[in-house]
C-alpha atoms as a PDB file:
ATOM      1  CA  MET A   1      12.966   2.528  -7.285  1.00  0.00           C
ATOM      2  CA  SER A   2      13.064  -1.018  -5.249  1.00  0.00           C
ATOM      3  CA  ALA A   3      16.037  -1.752  -3.241  1.00  0.00           C
ATOM      4  CA  SER A   4      16.877  -4.743  -5.559  1.00  0.00           C
ATOM      5  CA  THR A   5      16.886  -2.737  -8.760  1.00  0.00           C
ATOM      6  CA  SER A   6      19.261  -0.153  -9.845  1.00  0.00           C
ATOM      7  CA  ILE A   7      19.515   1.961 -12.828  1.00  0.00           C
ATOM      8  CA  GLN A   8      22.351   1.374 -15.434  1.00  0.00           C
ATOM      9  CA  GLU A   9      23.777   2.994 -18.494  1.00  0.00           C
ATOM     10  CA  THR A  10      24.684   1.642 -21.567  1.00  0.00           C
ATOM     11  CA  ARG A  11      24.910   2.456 -25.401  1.00  0.00           C
ATOM     12  CA  LEU A  12      22.591   1.442 -28.080  1.00  0.00           C
ATOM     13  CA  LYS A  13      24.041   0.644 -31.570  1.00  0.00           C
ATOM     14  CA  SER A  14      23.763   4.223 -32.722  1.00  0.00           C
ATOM     15  CA  GLY A  15      26.217   5.529 -29.989  1.00  0.00           C
ATOM     16  CA  LYS A  16      23.256   6.941 -27.969  1.00  0.00           C
ATOM     17  CA  LYS A  17      23.753   6.535 -24.209  1.00  0.00           C
ATOM     18  CA  VAL A  18      20.379   5.297 -22.358  1.00  0.00           C
ATOM     19  CA  PHE A  19      19.400   4.538 -18.922  1.00  0.00           C
ATOM     20  CA  CYS A  20      18.217   1.062 -18.400  1.00  0.00           C
ATOM     21  CA  LEU A  21      17.911  -1.640 -15.768  1.00  0.00           C
ATOM     22  CA  SER A  22      19.638  -4.707 -17.708  1.00  0.00           C
ATOM     23  CA  LYS A  23      22.119  -3.840 -20.479  1.00  0.00           C
ATOM     24  CA  GLY A  24      21.504  -7.043 -22.528  1.00  0.00           C
ATOM     25  CA  GLU A  25      17.657  -6.089 -22.380  1.00  0.00           C
ATOM     26  CA  ALA A  26      18.566  -2.495 -23.638  1.00  0.00           C
ATOM     27  CA  ARG A  27      20.006  -4.136 -26.476  1.00  0.00           C
ATOM     28  CA  LEU A  28      17.446  -6.633 -27.229  1.00  0.00           C
ATOM     29  CA  LEU A  29      14.850  -3.954 -27.284  1.00  0.00           C
ATOM     30  CA  ASP A  30      17.111  -1.739 -29.198  1.00  0.00           C
ATOM     31  CA  LYS A  31      16.911  -4.328 -32.203  1.00  0.00           C
ATOM     32  CA  THR A  32      12.984  -4.401 -31.724  1.00  0.00           C
ATOM     33  CA  VAL A  33      11.767  -0.998 -31.738  1.00  0.00           C
ATOM     34  CA  GLU A  34      12.571  -0.229 -35.269  1.00  0.00           C
ATOM     35  CA  ASN A  35      10.078  -2.875 -36.413  1.00  0.00           C
ATOM     36  CA  TYR A  36       7.358  -0.856 -35.136  1.00  0.00           C
ATOM     37  CA  LEU A  37       7.605   1.334 -38.122  1.00  0.00           C
ATOM     38  CA  LYS A  38       7.755  -1.356 -41.029  1.00  0.00           C
ATOM     39  CA  SER A  39       5.126  -2.502 -43.302  1.00  0.00           C
ATOM     40  CA  GLY A  40       3.736   0.598 -44.794  1.00  0.00           C
ATOM     41  CA  ILE A  41       3.682   2.713 -41.416  1.00  0.00           C
ATOM     42  CA  LYS A  42       4.233   6.466 -41.840  1.00  0.00           C
ATOM     43  CA  ILE A  43       4.796   9.054 -39.507  1.00  0.00           C
ATOM     44  CA  LYS A  44       5.800  12.761 -40.292  1.00  0.00           C
ATOM     45  CA  PRO A  45       6.361  15.768 -38.151  1.00  0.00           C
ATOM     46  CA  GLY A  46       3.319  17.184 -36.379  1.00  0.00           C
ATOM     47  CA  ASP A  47       1.626  13.722 -35.958  1.00  0.00           C
ATOM     48  CA  THR A  48       0.500  12.510 -32.668  1.00  0.00           C
ATOM     49  CA  VAL A  49       1.618   9.013 -31.421  1.00  0.00           C
ATOM     50  CA  PHE A  50       0.739   6.740 -28.575  1.00  0.00           C
ATOM     51  CA  ASP A  51       3.624   4.635 -26.999  1.00  0.00           C
ATOM     52  CA  ILE A  52       1.617   2.000 -25.002  1.00  0.00           C
ATOM     53  CA  GLY A  53       3.847  -0.475 -23.293  1.00  0.00           C
ATOM     54  CA  ALA A  54       6.888   2.052 -23.499  1.00  0.00           C
ATOM     55  CA  ASN A  55       9.145   0.246 -20.985  1.00  0.00           C
ATOM     56  CA  ILE A  56      12.347   2.477 -20.579  1.00  0.00           C
ATOM     57  CA  GLY A  57      11.400   4.616 -23.608  1.00  0.00           C
ATOM     58  CA  LEU A  58      13.523   3.422 -26.595  1.00  0.00           C
ATOM     59  CA  PHE A  59      10.896   3.725 -29.022  1.00  0.00           C
ATOM     60  CA  THR A  60       9.911   6.904 -27.796  1.00  0.00           C
ATOM     61  CA  LEU A  61      13.616   8.178 -28.133  1.00  0.00           C
ATOM     62  CA  LEU A  62      13.850   6.827 -31.532  1.00  0.00           C
ATOM     63  CA  LEU A  63      10.801   8.784 -32.495  1.00  0.00           C
ATOM     64  CA  ALA A  64      11.983  11.906 -30.921  1.00  0.00           C
ATOM     65  CA  ASP A  65      15.531  11.859 -32.813  1.00  0.00           C
ATOM     66  CA  LYS A  66      14.025  10.538 -36.033  1.00  0.00           C
ATOM     67  CA  PHE A  67      11.693  13.196 -36.353  1.00  0.00           C
ATOM     68  CA  ASP A  68      13.854  16.105 -34.373  1.00  0.00           C
ATOM     69  CA  ASP A  69      11.432  16.330 -31.716  1.00  0.00           C
ATOM     70  CA  GLN A  70       8.596  17.524 -34.397  1.00  0.00           C
ATOM     71  CA  ILE A  71       6.109  14.956 -33.004  1.00  0.00           C
ATOM     72  CA  ASN A  72       3.653  14.589 -29.811  1.00  0.00           C
ATOM     73  CA  ILE A  73       4.128  11.262 -28.043  1.00  0.00           C
ATOM     74  CA  TYR A  74       2.088   9.914 -25.311  1.00  0.00           C
ATOM     75  CA  SER A  75       4.297   7.300 -23.327  1.00  0.00           C
ATOM     76  CA  PHE A  76       2.738   4.598 -20.958  1.00  0.00           C
ATOM     77  CA  GLU A  77       4.355   2.484 -18.610  1.00  0.00           C
ATOM     78  CA  PRO A  78       2.639   1.112 -15.341  1.00  0.00           C
ATOM     79  CA  ILE A  79       5.416  -0.761 -13.737  1.00  0.00           C
ATOM     80  CA  PRO A  80       6.909   1.848 -10.954  1.00  0.00           C
ATOM     81  CA  ASP A  81      10.759   0.779 -11.658  1.00  0.00           C
ATOM     82  CA  VAL A  82      10.721   0.731 -15.399  1.00  0.00           C
ATOM     83  CA  TYR A  83       8.572   3.998 -15.380  1.00  0.00           C
ATOM     84  CA  GLU A  84      11.675   5.547 -13.398  1.00  0.00           C
ATOM     85  CA  VAL A  85      13.898   4.512 -16.051  1.00  0.00           C
ATOM     86  CA  LEU A  86      11.589   5.677 -18.787  1.00  0.00           C
ATOM     87  CA  LYS A  87      11.455   9.153 -17.256  1.00  0.00           C
ATOM     88  CA  LYS A  88      15.341   9.645 -16.688  1.00  0.00           C
ATOM     89  CA  ASN A  89      15.798   8.879 -20.451  1.00  0.00           C
ATOM     90  CA  VAL A  90      12.886  11.314 -21.546  1.00  0.00           C
ATOM     91  CA  GLU A  91      14.491  14.019 -19.259  1.00  0.00           C
ATOM     92  CA  THR A  92      17.670  14.054 -21.374  1.00  0.00           C
ATOM     93  CA  LEU A  93      15.723  15.272 -24.221  1.00  0.00           C
ATOM     94  CA  ASN A  94      14.346  18.326 -22.577  1.00  0.00           C
ATOM     95  CA  SER A  95      11.241  17.679 -24.800  1.00  0.00           C
ATOM     96  CA  GLN A  96       7.646  19.635 -24.672  1.00  0.00           C
ATOM     97  CA  ASN A  97       6.343  17.365 -27.024  1.00  0.00           C
ATOM     98  CA  ILE A  98       6.359  14.202 -24.844  1.00  0.00           C
ATOM     99  CA  LYS A  99       4.061  13.368 -22.128  1.00  0.00           C
ATOM    100  CA  LEU A 100       4.718  10.322 -19.613  1.00  0.00           C
ATOM    101  CA  PHE A 101       1.895   8.588 -17.852  1.00  0.00           C
ATOM    102  CA  PRO A 102       3.004   6.141 -14.918  1.00  0.00           C
ATOM    103  CA  TYR A 103       0.232   3.724 -15.709  1.00  0.00           C
ATOM    104  CA  GLY A 104      -1.147   1.208 -18.178  1.00  0.00           C
ATOM    105  CA  LEU A 105      -4.016   1.279 -20.622  1.00  0.00           C
ATOM    106  CA  SER A 106      -6.597  -1.374 -20.205  1.00  0.00           C
ATOM    107  CA  ALA A 107     -10.639  -2.165 -20.841  1.00  0.00           C
ATOM    108  CA  LYS A 108     -11.406  -0.054 -17.841  1.00  0.00           C
ATOM    109  CA  PRO A 109      -9.848   2.111 -15.469  1.00  0.00           C
ATOM    110  CA  GLY A 110      -8.881   0.719 -11.912  1.00  0.00           C
ATOM    111  CA  ASN A 111      -5.719  -1.026 -10.385  1.00  0.00           C
ATOM    112  CA  ILE A 112      -4.450  -4.245 -11.721  1.00  0.00           C
ATOM    113  CA  LYS A 113      -1.637  -6.689 -10.379  1.00  0.00           C
ATOM    114  CA  PHE A 114       0.974  -7.124 -12.761  1.00  0.00           C
ATOM    115  CA  ASN A 115       4.112  -9.790 -12.570  1.00  0.00           C
ATOM    116  CA  TYR A 116       7.183  -7.655 -12.766  1.00  0.00           C
ATOM    117  CA  TYR A 117      10.336  -9.027 -13.973  1.00  0.00           C
ATOM    118  CA  PRO A 118      13.589  -6.996 -13.177  1.00  0.00           C
ATOM    119  CA  THR A 119      15.851  -8.429 -15.437  1.00  0.00           C
ATOM    120  CA  MET A 120      13.377  -9.157 -18.263  1.00  0.00           C
ATOM    121  CA  SER A 121      11.023  -5.891 -17.648  1.00  0.00           C
ATOM    122  CA  PHE A 122       9.882  -6.256 -21.332  1.00  0.00           C
ATOM    123  CA  GLY A 123       8.051  -9.593 -20.357  1.00  0.00           C
ATOM    124  CA  SER A 124       6.183  -8.027 -17.270  1.00  0.00           C
ATOM    125  CA  THR A 125       2.586  -8.454 -17.689  1.00  0.00           C
ATOM    126  CA  ILE A 126      -0.963  -9.018 -16.214  1.00  0.00           C
ATOM    127  CA  TYR A 127      -1.069 -12.368 -17.849  1.00  0.00           C
ATOM    128  CA  PRO A 128       2.188 -14.328 -17.103  1.00  0.00           C
ATOM    129  CA  LEU A 129       3.377 -17.192 -19.196  1.00  0.00           C
ATOM    130  CA  ASP A 130       2.751 -20.642 -17.433  1.00  0.00           C
ATOM    131  CA  LYS A 131       5.552 -23.414 -17.213  1.00  0.00           C
ATOM    132  CA  GLN A 132       4.564 -24.800 -20.786  1.00  0.00           C
ATOM    133  CA  GLU A 133       4.769 -21.294 -22.629  1.00  0.00           C
ATOM    134  CA  ILE A 134       8.114 -20.419 -20.726  1.00  0.00           C
ATOM    135  CA  ASP A 135       9.739 -23.984 -21.836  1.00  0.00           C
ATOM    136  CA  LYS A 136       8.311 -23.358 -25.436  1.00  0.00           C
ATOM    137  CA  LEU A 137       9.754 -19.821 -25.606  1.00  0.00           C
ATOM    138  CA  GLN A 138      13.175 -21.052 -24.337  1.00  0.00           C
ATOM    139  CA  GLU A 139      13.377 -23.838 -26.762  1.00  0.00           C
ATOM    140  CA  ILE A 140      12.603 -21.579 -29.553  1.00  0.00           C
ATOM    141  CA  SER A 141      15.242 -19.050 -28.407  1.00  0.00           C
ATOM    142  CA  ILE A 142      17.822 -21.607 -28.583  1.00  0.00           C
ATOM    143  CA  GLN A 143      16.841 -22.494 -32.023  1.00  0.00           C
ATOM    144  CA  ASN A 144      16.664 -18.905 -32.885  1.00  0.00           C
ATOM    145  CA  LEU A 145      19.826 -17.571 -30.931  1.00  0.00           C
ATOM    146  CA  LYS A 146      21.941 -16.533 -33.885  1.00  0.00           C
ATOM    147  CA  HIS A 147      19.441 -13.493 -34.632  1.00  0.00           C
ATOM    148  CA  PHE A 148      19.432 -11.983 -31.189  1.00  0.00           C
ATOM    149  CA  PRO A 149      21.815  -9.009 -30.570  1.00  0.00           C
ATOM    150  CA  ALA A 150      25.230  -9.562 -29.101  1.00  0.00           C
ATOM    151  CA  PRO A 151      26.068 -11.091 -26.510  1.00  0.00           C
ATOM    152  CA  ILE A 152      23.207 -13.401 -26.761  1.00  0.00           C
ATOM    153  CA  CYS A 153      23.804 -14.452 -30.575  1.00  0.00           C
ATOM    154  CA  TRP A 154      27.404 -15.544 -29.221  1.00  0.00           C
ATOM    155  CA  PHE A 155      25.793 -18.589 -27.683  1.00  0.00           C
ATOM    156  CA  ALA A 156      24.905 -19.925 -30.749  1.00  0.00           C
ATOM    157  CA  TYR A 157      28.476 -20.619 -31.357  1.00  0.00           C
ATOM    158  CA  LEU A 158      28.831 -22.498 -28.146  1.00  0.00           C
ATOM    159  CA  PRO A 159      28.571 -26.707 -27.689  1.00  0.00           C
ATOM    160  CA  LYS A 160      24.729 -27.132 -27.812  1.00  0.00           C
ATOM    161  CA  SER A 161      24.682 -28.417 -24.220  1.00  0.00           C
ATOM    162  CA  LEU A 162      26.347 -25.353 -22.802  1.00  0.00           C
ATOM    163  CA  SER A 163      24.163 -22.975 -25.019  1.00  0.00           C
ATOM    164  CA  SER A 164      21.164 -24.624 -23.700  1.00  0.00           C
ATOM    165  CA  TYR A 165      22.223 -24.313 -20.173  1.00  0.00           C
ATOM    166  CA  LEU A 166      22.894 -20.488 -20.262  1.00  0.00           C
ATOM    167  CA  VAL A 167      19.693 -20.033 -21.864  1.00  0.00           C
ATOM    168  CA  ASN A 168      18.048 -22.018 -19.178  1.00  0.00           C
ATOM    169  CA  TYR A 169      19.981 -19.942 -16.657  1.00  0.00           C
ATOM    170  CA  LYS A 170      18.740 -16.738 -18.112  1.00  0.00           C
ATOM    171  CA  PHE A 171      15.154 -17.752 -18.444  1.00  0.00           C
ATOM    172  CA  THR A 172      14.784 -19.199 -14.937  1.00  0.00           C
ATOM    173  CA  THR A 173      16.334 -16.083 -13.426  1.00  0.00           C
ATOM    174  CA  GLY A 174      14.635 -13.735 -15.740  1.00  0.00           C
ATOM    175  CA  PHE A 175      10.998 -14.855 -15.042  1.00  0.00           C
ATOM    176  CA  GLN A 176      11.693 -14.337 -11.164  1.00  0.00           C
ATOM    177  CA  GLY A 177       9.231 -11.991 -10.780  1.00  0.00           C
ATOM    178  CA  LYS A 178       7.089 -10.204  -8.074  1.00  0.00           C
ATOM    179  CA  GLU A 179       3.536  -8.710  -8.120  1.00  0.00           C
ATOM    180  CA  VAL A 180       3.082  -5.206  -8.183  1.00  0.00           C
ATOM    181  CA  ASN A 181      -0.316  -3.269  -8.098  1.00  0.00           C
ATOM    182  CA  CYS A 182      -0.538  -0.700 -10.963  1.00  0.00           C
ATOM    183  CA  GLN A 183      -3.010   1.839 -12.218  1.00  0.00           C
ATOM    184  CA  VAL A 184      -4.793   1.578 -15.577  1.00  0.00           C
ATOM    185  CA  THR A 185      -7.063   3.593 -17.566  1.00  0.00           C
ATOM    186  CA  THR A 186      -8.263   3.758 -21.056  1.00  0.00           C
ATOM    187  CA  ILE A 187      -7.389   5.017 -24.329  1.00  0.00           C
ATOM    188  CA  SER A 188     -10.787   6.776 -24.836  1.00  0.00           C
ATOM    189  CA  GLN A 189     -10.226   8.169 -21.312  1.00  0.00           C
ATOM    190  CA  ILE A 190      -6.867   9.877 -22.458  1.00  0.00           C
ATOM    191  CA  ILE A 191      -8.241  10.818 -25.700  1.00  0.00           C
ATOM    192  CA  GLN A 192     -11.224  12.791 -23.694  1.00  0.00           C
ATOM    193  CA  GLU A 193      -8.790  14.157 -20.776  1.00  0.00           C
ATOM    194  CA  HIS A 194      -6.388  15.546 -23.036  1.00  0.00           C
ATOM    195  CA  GLN A 195      -8.878  16.655 -25.755  1.00  0.00           C
ATOM    196  CA  ILE A 196      -6.812  14.611 -28.687  1.00  0.00           C
ATOM    197  CA  GLU A 197      -8.258  15.102 -32.271  1.00  0.00           C
ATOM    198  CA  LYS A 198      -6.270  12.402 -34.007  1.00  0.00           C
ATOM    199  CA  ILE A 199      -3.732   9.297 -33.256  1.00  0.00           C
ATOM    200  CA  ASP A 200      -1.621   9.105 -36.338  1.00  0.00           C
ATOM    201  CA  PHE A 201       0.114   5.918 -34.775  1.00  0.00           C
ATOM    202  CA  LEU A 202      -1.378   3.723 -32.082  1.00  0.00           C
ATOM    203  CA  LYS A 203       1.611   1.300 -30.818  1.00  0.00           C
ATOM    204  CA  ILE A 204       0.412  -1.485 -28.579  1.00  0.00           C
ATOM    205  CA  ASP A 205       3.138  -3.993 -27.064  1.00  0.00           C
ATOM    206  CA  VAL A 206       1.477  -5.026 -23.752  1.00  0.00           C
ATOM    207  CA  GLU A 207       2.359  -8.871 -23.168  1.00  0.00           C
ATOM    208  CA  LYS A 208      -0.886 -10.812 -23.791  1.00  0.00           C
ATOM    209  CA  ALA A 209      -3.239  -7.888 -22.937  1.00  0.00           C
ATOM    210  CA  GLU A 210      -3.709  -6.282 -26.146  1.00  0.00           C
ATOM    211  CA  MET A 211      -7.096  -7.127 -26.425  1.00  0.00           C
ATOM    212  CA  ASP A 212      -7.816  -5.394 -23.105  1.00  0.00           C
ATOM    213  CA  VAL A 213      -6.119  -2.137 -24.639  1.00  0.00           C
ATOM    214  CA  ILE A 214      -8.167  -2.253 -27.746  1.00  0.00           C
ATOM    215  CA  SER A 215     -11.626  -2.931 -25.539  1.00  0.00           C
ATOM    216  CA  GLY A 216     -10.791   0.628 -24.108  1.00  0.00           C
ATOM    217  CA  ILE A 217     -11.462   2.529 -27.391  1.00  0.00           C
ATOM    218  CA  GLU A 218     -15.266   3.532 -27.472  1.00  0.00           C
ATOM    219  CA  THR A 219     -16.666   3.618 -30.881  1.00  0.00           C
ATOM    220  CA  LYS A 220     -16.813   7.317 -31.497  1.00  0.00           C
ATOM    221  CA  ASP A 221     -13.016   7.426 -30.986  1.00  0.00           C
ATOM    222  CA  TRP A 222     -12.164   4.682 -33.743  1.00  0.00           C
ATOM    223  CA  PRO A 223     -12.182   7.152 -36.538  1.00  0.00           C
ATOM    224  CA  LYS A 224      -9.290   9.160 -34.705  1.00  0.00           C
ATOM    225  CA  ILE A 225      -6.929   6.368 -35.197  1.00  0.00           C
ATOM    226  CA  LYS A 226      -5.078   6.335 -38.527  1.00  0.00           C
ATOM    227  CA  GLN A 227      -2.385   3.379 -38.157  1.00  0.00           C
ATOM    228  CA  ILE A 228      -2.117   0.702 -35.730  1.00  0.00           C
ATOM    229  CA  PHE A 229       0.916  -1.565 -34.576  1.00  0.00           C
ATOM    230  CA  ILE A 230      -0.310  -4.331 -32.201  1.00  0.00           C
ATOM    231  CA  GLU A 231       1.877  -7.240 -30.826  1.00  0.00           C
ATOM    232  CA  ILE A 232      -0.267 -10.101 -30.847  1.00  0.00           C
ATOM    233  CA  HIS A 233      -0.287 -13.304 -28.997  1.00  0.00           C
ATOM    234  CA  ASP A 234      -2.522 -15.531 -30.972  1.00  0.00           C
ATOM    235  CA  ILE A 235      -4.254 -17.303 -28.255  1.00  0.00           C
ATOM    236  CA  ASP A 236      -7.644 -18.664 -29.100  1.00  0.00           C
ATOM    237  CA  PHE A 237      -7.750 -17.348 -32.830  1.00  0.00           C
ATOM    238  CA  ARG A 238      -6.833 -13.565 -31.434  1.00  0.00           C
ATOM    239  CA  LEU A 239      -4.938 -12.690 -34.494  1.00  0.00           C
ATOM    240  CA  GLU A 240      -7.797 -13.776 -36.742  1.00  0.00           C
ATOM    241  CA  LYS A 241     -10.405 -11.701 -34.207  1.00  0.00           C
ATOM    242  CA  MET A 242      -8.273  -8.687 -34.282  1.00  0.00           C
ATOM    243  CA  THR A 243      -7.607  -8.629 -38.277  1.00  0.00           C
ATOM    244  CA  ASN A 244     -11.687  -8.992 -38.419  1.00  0.00           C
ATOM    245  CA  LEU A 245     -12.127  -6.193 -35.812  1.00  0.00           C
ATOM    246  CA  LEU A 246      -9.682  -3.901 -37.691  1.00  0.00           C
ATOM    247  CA  LYS A 247     -11.372  -4.366 -40.810  1.00  0.00           C
ATOM    248  CA  GLU A 248     -14.790  -3.864 -39.266  1.00  0.00           C
ATOM    249  CA  LYS A 249     -13.372  -0.389 -38.201  1.00  0.00           C
ATOM    250  CA  GLY A 250     -12.380   0.628 -41.315  1.00  0.00           C
ATOM    251  CA  PHE A 251      -8.786   0.065 -41.905  1.00  0.00           C
ATOM    252  CA  GLU A 252      -8.113  -0.884 -45.426  1.00  0.00           C
ATOM    253  CA  ASN A 253      -4.425  -2.474 -45.305  1.00  0.00           C
ATOM    254  CA  ILE A 254      -3.630  -5.137 -42.784  1.00  0.00           C
ATOM    255  CA  LYS A 255      -0.215  -7.006 -42.679  1.00  0.00           C
ATOM    256  CA  VAL A 256       1.069  -9.557 -40.211  1.00  0.00           C
ATOM    257  CA  GLU A 257       4.626 -10.192 -39.696  1.00  0.00           C
ATOM    258  CA  GLN A 258       6.826 -12.328 -37.458  1.00  0.00           C
ATOM    259  CA  GLU A 259      10.197 -11.319 -36.103  1.00  0.00           C
ATOM    260  CA  VAL A 260      12.782 -14.068 -37.128  1.00  0.00           C
ATOM    261  CA  GLU A 261      13.999 -14.702 -33.797  1.00  0.00           C
ATOM    262  CA  LEU A 262      10.238 -15.326 -32.914  1.00  0.00           C
ATOM    263  CA  THR A 263       9.762 -18.034 -35.472  1.00  0.00           C
ATOM    264  CA  GLY A 264       7.829 -20.747 -34.015  1.00  0.00           C
ATOM    265  CA  THR A 265       6.124 -18.807 -31.326  1.00  0.00           C
ATOM    266  CA  ASN A 266       2.605 -17.469 -31.325  1.00  0.00           C
ATOM    267  CA  ILE A 267       3.801 -13.836 -31.340  1.00  0.00           C
ATOM    268  CA  PHE A 268       3.252 -11.815 -34.324  1.00  0.00           C
ATOM    269  CA  GLY A 269       3.485  -8.044 -35.159  1.00  0.00           C
ATOM    270  CA  LEU A 270       0.002  -6.817 -36.754  1.00  0.00           C
ATOM    271  CA  TYR A 271       0.245  -3.611 -38.962  1.00  0.00           C
ATOM    272  CA  ALA A 272      -3.025  -1.694 -40.071  1.00  0.00           C
ATOM    273  CA  TRP A 273      -3.741   1.842 -41.962  1.00  0.00           C
END
């Protein structure tokens, strides 16, 4: 854990106590993780789940609680500071069915530079947003304030000049990051090393690196994957390309949704099974 980062504790809306890097970020993530299980996705006891882009582990915790620790979870988080929080959260479960990996997944094994944002860790990425993208996301956030969890949603009831100032401040400070070198490998490498016969649900939320992650699946491993959620940043027709790829790989049902607070952005959730 870097000297500038400290682990905090907070409670989720369920009352569950968790470790985090930012209480506000934890509340935002808590609202988001349930969306991974929408649109026809079904998980049952005994299933195997890959949580790629696990962050502090809220989706992993949700699954462990929801299925009484009766599913096998492989959780991946490459940013060292964030991984330490993930580890602390999972340790509270004392589970033998959750495996943690301090690296990311990509098109090939190696080391990659990530931009790490300590107070907005969910936005940490190989492909940082440029100023135009940040400005657009900030504009959309101001328009959709009432859909965010507290206390951010409270900004919607302030004078617009004040709410805009506060959002601008959060974005300005939140996207002040630093580069960190992180290890990455591929989905197929993990399948081979751990002799995984099937992945019942593959969740990918990796901030513009989704094509890299998918590229790390060898042809022979695609039939092992039964259901997928991918957060898609629709750059250069990426949503269309991913949809076509999944159809080619045999996925018969594909749905695309967008969280209400992301209305107006190019960020979508793609579900396939």
